[in-house]
Amino acid sequence: MSEMPNLAGVESGLRHTFADKTLGSLALTVGRPGWGRLEFLGDAILNVVVFATAESRGYPRDRAEQLVSNRNLRKIFRRKFASHTEDTTGDIVEALIGAVFLDSDFNTAAAVITTSIEPSLGLFDPSLLHKSVTTIEQRGLAWLGARGVVTAIVADHLCRVSPTSPKRYYSKTRDGLLGIQRLANRSRELGFASEGDDDEVAKDFIDAHIATIFLRDGWDAAKPEVLRVLNIRNEAKP
């Protein structure tokens, strides 16, 4: 790159000032060591925020899926961030979300997403999420757990315990931890599902359980429950 990214301009667009400027700068430079970690994590955080907000407000799930699509992320990048970096991929939006999350916390990242990146959703509102626990049907809870909460918490865990690993390691490890057969077996072991339930149904029980905790009590309550239920140890990659 011939010019350094304009982090100040990006911070203005995000409405977030980085305490750790290196995180923000890294998010804007595709291909640097560590960039894939931010993009991988940001993708997961974006999904859980968009899906939870949409579900709590009764928006169609296909609308939520469209909002996190690569096509929409490219549009957001061109509209808000393209003038501040020479890179040209919408994946930078996800990397920026990952950087904000690591620089602050889940609720701050959620606020950035729903005020600066996807304002059409309406503000991220934990109290509204809490109320929605009683109105979202089991299928919706399972969808939110599988597509959002469980995946994001596993991504966060992997990125923290093994911060220098390549993105392919995170993806492969996540996919192994979240395999249908593994989750179905854990569901039966923990008594969420019975032996007569098929694997998809058994897995759905775990996903819905985690989504319920997230909606009712927030990210910090859901994270240890995911690690417990999935039997994930705090071990870094050798």
Protein backbone atom coordinates (compact mmCIF):
# COMPACT_ATOMS: atom_id res chain seq x y z
CA MET A 1 0.00 0.00 0.00
CA SER A 2 1.32 3.44 -0.85
CA GLU A 3 -0.58 5.24 1.87
CA MET A 4 -1.46 4.45 5.44
CA PRO A 5 -5.16 3.87 6.19
CA ASN A 6 -7.02 6.84 7.62
CA LEU A 7 -7.97 5.46 11.02
CA ALA A 8 -9.43 8.75 12.25
CA GLY A 9 -11.90 8.78 9.36
CA VAL A 10 -12.90 5.21 10.08
CA GLU A 11 -13.38 5.97 13.77
CA SER A 12 -15.70 8.80 12.81
CA GLY A 13 -17.72 6.46 10.60
CA LEU A 14 -17.91 3.84 13.32
CA ARG A 15 -18.57 6.34 16.10
CA HIS A 16 -15.95 4.47 18.09
CA THR A 17 -12.49 5.69 19.11
CA PHE A 18 -10.06 2.82 19.51
CA ALA A 19 -8.22 2.61 22.80
CA ASP A 20 -5.80 0.27 21.01
CA LYS A 21 -5.07 1.99 17.71
CA THR A 22 -3.19 -1.05 16.41
CA LEU A 23 -6.43 -3.03 16.31
CA GLY A 24 -8.16 -0.45 14.17
CA SER A 25 -5.19 -0.09 11.83
CA LEU A 26 -4.85 -3.87 11.48
CA ALA A 27 -8.52 -4.19 10.52
CA LEU A 28 -7.91 -1.85 7.57
CA THR A 29 -4.96 -3.76 6.08
CA VAL A 30 -6.03 -7.03 4.51
CA GLY A 31 -3.42 -9.76 4.53
CA ARG A 32 -1.34 -8.64 7.48
CA PRO A 33 -0.70 -11.27 10.17
CA GLY A 34 -3.68 -11.21 12.53
CA TRP A 35 -6.12 -9.67 10.06
CA GLY A 36 -7.88 -12.99 9.46
CA ARG A 37 -8.53 -13.32 13.18
CA LEU A 38 -10.35 -9.97 13.24
CA GLU A 39 -12.40 -10.80 10.15
CA PHE A 40 -13.33 -14.27 11.45
CA LEU A 41 -14.40 -12.88 14.82
CA GLY A 42 -16.17 -9.85 13.38
CA ASP A 43 -18.22 -12.02 11.04
CA ALA A 44 -19.50 -14.01 14.03
CA ILE A 45 -20.23 -10.94 16.17
CA LEU A 46 -22.07 -9.25 13.30
CA ASN A 47 -24.27 -12.31 12.85
CA VAL A 48 -25.31 -12.63 16.47
CA VAL A 49 -26.09 -8.91 16.82
CA VAL A 50 -28.08 -8.70 13.60
CA PHE A 51 -29.93 -11.98 14.13
CA ALA A 52 -30.76 -11.28 17.80
CA THR A 53 -31.94 -7.74 17.09
CA ALA A 54 -34.01 -8.87 14.11
CA GLU A 55 -35.55 -11.76 16.03
CA SER A 56 -36.41 -9.60 19.03
CA ARG A 57 -38.17 -7.10 16.76
CA GLY A 58 -40.01 -9.72 14.73
CA TYR A 59 -38.22 -9.01 11.45
CA PRO A 60 -38.17 -11.75 8.80
CA ARG A 61 -35.14 -14.00 9.01
CA ASP A 62 -34.40 -13.63 5.33
CA ARG A 63 -34.01 -9.88 5.91
CA ALA A 64 -31.47 -10.56 8.63
CA GLU A 65 -29.58 -12.95 6.37
CA GLN A 66 -29.52 -10.30 3.63
CA LEU A 67 -28.08 -7.70 6.00
CA VAL A 68 -25.04 -9.86 6.77
CA SER A 69 -24.52 -10.98 3.16
CA ASN A 70 -21.25 -10.27 1.37
CA ARG A 71 -23.13 -8.15 -1.13
CA ASN A 72 -24.50 -5.87 1.58
CA LEU A 73 -21.14 -5.67 3.35
CA ARG A 74 -19.53 -4.50 0.11
CA LYS A 75 -22.14 -1.76 -0.16
CA ILE A 76 -21.47 -0.66 3.43
CA PHE A 77 -17.73 -0.66 2.81
CA ARG A 78 -18.02 1.48 -0.32
CA ARG A 79 -20.38 3.92 1.39
CA LYS A 80 -18.55 4.39 4.68
CA PHE A 81 -14.97 3.17 4.57
CA ALA A 82 -13.59 2.86 1.03
CA SER A 83 -12.16 6.39 1.03
CA HIS A 84 -10.06 5.61 4.12
CA THR A 85 -8.10 2.59 2.85
CA GLU A 86 -6.71 1.29 -0.43
CA ASP A 87 -8.05 -2.20 0.18
CA THR A 88 -11.33 -2.90 -1.59
CA THR A 89 -13.08 -5.77 0.18
CA GLY A 90 -16.26 -5.68 2.24
CA ASP A 91 -14.56 -8.10 4.61
CA ILE A 92 -12.96 -5.03 6.16
CA VAL A 93 -16.35 -4.24 7.71
CA GLU A 94 -16.22 -7.56 9.56
CA ALA A 95 -12.60 -7.00 10.57
CA LEU A 96 -13.52 -3.60 11.99
CA ILE A 97 -16.32 -5.17 14.03
CA GLY A 98 -13.87 -7.75 15.38
CA ALA A 99 -11.45 -4.97 16.26
CA VAL A 100 -14.14 -2.96 18.08
CA PHE A 101 -15.20 -6.07 20.00
CA LEU A 102 -11.64 -6.83 21.17
CA ASP A 103 -11.03 -3.16 21.92
CA SER A 104 -14.11 -2.91 24.13
CA ASP A 105 -16.85 -5.48 24.78
CA PHE A 106 -19.87 -7.14 23.21
CA ASN A 107 -22.41 -4.42 23.98
CA THR A 108 -20.14 -1.72 22.56
CA ALA A 109 -19.65 -3.70 19.36
CA ALA A 110 -23.40 -4.29 19.18
CA ALA A 111 -24.05 -0.56 19.52
CA VAL A 112 -21.57 0.20 16.73
CA ILE A 113 -23.23 -2.36 14.47
CA THR A 114 -26.76 -1.07 14.99
CA THR A 115 -25.93 2.66 14.93
CA SER A 116 -23.17 2.92 12.35
CA ILE A 117 -23.25 -0.20 10.18
CA GLU A 118 -26.84 -1.52 10.13
CA PRO A 119 -28.98 1.37 11.47
CA SER A 120 -32.08 0.07 9.69
CA LEU A 121 -32.37 -2.60 12.39
CA GLY A 122 -32.96 -0.15 15.20
CA LEU A 123 -30.74 0.20 18.25
CA PHE A 124 -29.37 -2.86 20.01
CA ASP A 125 -31.53 -3.02 23.14
CA PRO A 126 -30.74 -5.66 25.82
CA SER A 127 -34.05 -4.95 27.55
CA LEU A 128 -35.94 -5.72 24.34
CA LEU A 129 -33.96 -8.92 23.92
CA HIS A 130 -34.86 -9.90 27.47
CA LYS A 131 -38.57 -9.38 26.82
CA SER A 132 -38.44 -11.34 23.57
CA VAL A 133 -37.54 -14.60 25.35
CA THR A 134 -41.21 -15.31 25.91
CA THR A 135 -42.33 -14.41 22.37
CA ILE A 136 -39.76 -16.17 20.17
CA GLU A 137 -40.81 -19.71 19.31
CA GLN A 138 -38.50 -22.71 19.80
CA ARG A 139 -37.54 -22.76 16.14
CA GLY A 140 -36.47 -19.13 16.30
CA LEU A 141 -34.42 -19.72 19.43
CA ALA A 142 -32.68 -22.68 17.81
CA TRP A 143 -31.95 -20.59 14.70
CA LEU A 144 -30.55 -17.74 16.76
CA GLY A 145 -28.43 -20.10 18.82
CA ALA A 146 -27.00 -21.99 15.85
CA ARG A 147 -26.53 -19.10 13.42
CA GLY A 148 -25.57 -16.54 16.00
CA VAL A 149 -24.83 -17.01 19.67
CA VAL A 150 -23.11 -20.39 19.87
CA THR A 151 -20.99 -19.77 16.79
CA ALA A 152 -19.93 -16.31 17.99
CA ILE A 153 -18.97 -17.46 21.46
CA VAL A 154 -16.91 -20.33 20.09
CA ALA A 155 -15.22 -17.89 17.69
CA ASP A 156 -14.44 -15.51 20.54
CA HIS A 157 -13.01 -18.32 22.64
CA LEU A 158 -10.75 -19.61 19.87
CA CYS A 159 -9.48 -16.14 18.98
CA ARG A 160 -8.58 -15.43 22.59
CA VAL A 161 -6.90 -18.71 23.55
CA SER A 162 -4.95 -18.92 20.28
CA PRO A 163 -4.57 -15.32 19.08
CA THR A 164 -1.80 -15.90 16.53
CA SER A 165 -3.36 -18.80 14.63
CA PRO A 166 -4.38 -18.48 10.97
CA LYS A 167 -8.03 -18.14 10.03
CA ARG A 168 -8.15 -21.66 8.60
CA TYR A 169 -7.32 -23.02 12.07
CA TYR A 170 -10.21 -21.10 13.63
CA SER A 171 -12.64 -22.23 10.94
CA LYS A 172 -11.63 -25.88 11.07
CA THR A 173 -11.64 -26.03 14.87
CA ARG A 174 -15.00 -24.26 15.12
CA ASP A 175 -16.57 -26.60 12.60
CA GLY A 176 -15.31 -29.60 14.55
CA LEU A 177 -16.64 -28.29 17.84
CA LEU A 178 -20.04 -27.49 16.33
CA GLY A 179 -20.61 -30.64 14.32
CA ILE A 180 -24.18 -31.93 14.43
CA GLN A 181 -23.22 -35.35 15.77
CA ARG A 182 -21.06 -33.88 18.54
CA LEU A 183 -23.72 -31.42 19.68
CA ALA A 184 -26.46 -34.03 19.47
CA ASN A 185 -24.45 -36.40 21.67
CA ARG A 186 -23.79 -33.63 24.20
CA SER A 187 -27.49 -32.75 24.19
CA ARG A 188 -28.36 -36.33 25.12
CA GLU A 189 -25.58 -36.56 27.71
CA LEU A 190 -26.81 -33.41 29.45
CA GLY A 191 -30.48 -34.40 29.32
CA PHE A 192 -31.66 -31.76 26.86
CA ALA A 193 -32.67 -34.48 24.40
CA SER A 194 -33.77 -38.08 24.75
CA GLU A 195 -32.26 -41.08 23.02
CA GLY A 196 -35.23 -41.16 20.66
CA ASP A 197 -34.64 -37.66 19.29
CA ASP A 198 -32.85 -37.44 15.96
CA ASP A 199 -29.58 -35.52 15.77
CA GLU A 200 -31.02 -32.29 14.35
CA VAL A 201 -33.67 -32.10 17.04
CA ALA A 202 -31.16 -32.91 19.77
CA LYS A 203 -28.81 -30.20 18.53
CA ASP A 204 -31.67 -27.70 18.39
CA PHE A 205 -32.27 -28.15 22.11
CA ILE A 206 -28.74 -26.97 22.89
CA ASP A 207 -28.94 -24.04 20.45
CA ALA A 208 -32.28 -22.89 21.88
CA HIS A 209 -31.00 -23.24 25.45
CA ILE A 210 -27.99 -21.01 24.74
CA ALA A 211 -30.07 -18.46 22.84
CA THR A 212 -32.47 -18.22 25.76
CA ILE A 213 -29.66 -17.48 28.21
CA PHE A 214 -28.20 -14.88 25.85
CA LEU A 215 -31.52 -13.08 25.38
CA ARG A 216 -32.39 -13.20 29.06
CA ASP A 217 -29.02 -12.52 30.68
CA GLY A 218 -26.63 -11.33 27.99
CA TRP A 219 -23.34 -12.28 26.39
CA ASP A 220 -21.36 -12.61 29.62
CA ALA A 221 -23.82 -15.15 31.00
CA ALA A 222 -24.07 -17.14 27.78
CA LYS A 223 -20.34 -17.53 27.21
CA PRO A 224 -19.48 -19.79 30.17
CA GLU A 225 -22.60 -21.85 29.50
CA VAL A 226 -21.51 -22.48 25.91
CA LEU A 227 -18.07 -23.61 27.10
CA ARG A 228 -19.67 -25.88 29.70
CA VAL A 229 -22.30 -27.38 27.45
CA LEU A 230 -19.89 -27.95 24.58
CA ASN A 231 -17.18 -29.19 26.96
CA ILE A 232 -14.62 -26.78 25.54
CA ARG A 233 -11.41 -26.50 27.51
CA ASN A 234 -9.37 -23.32 27.85
CA GLU A 235 -6.42 -24.68 25.94
CA ALA A 236 -4.48 -22.80 23.32
CA LYS A 237 -3.26 -24.35 20.12
CA PRO A 238 0.13 -26.07 20.71
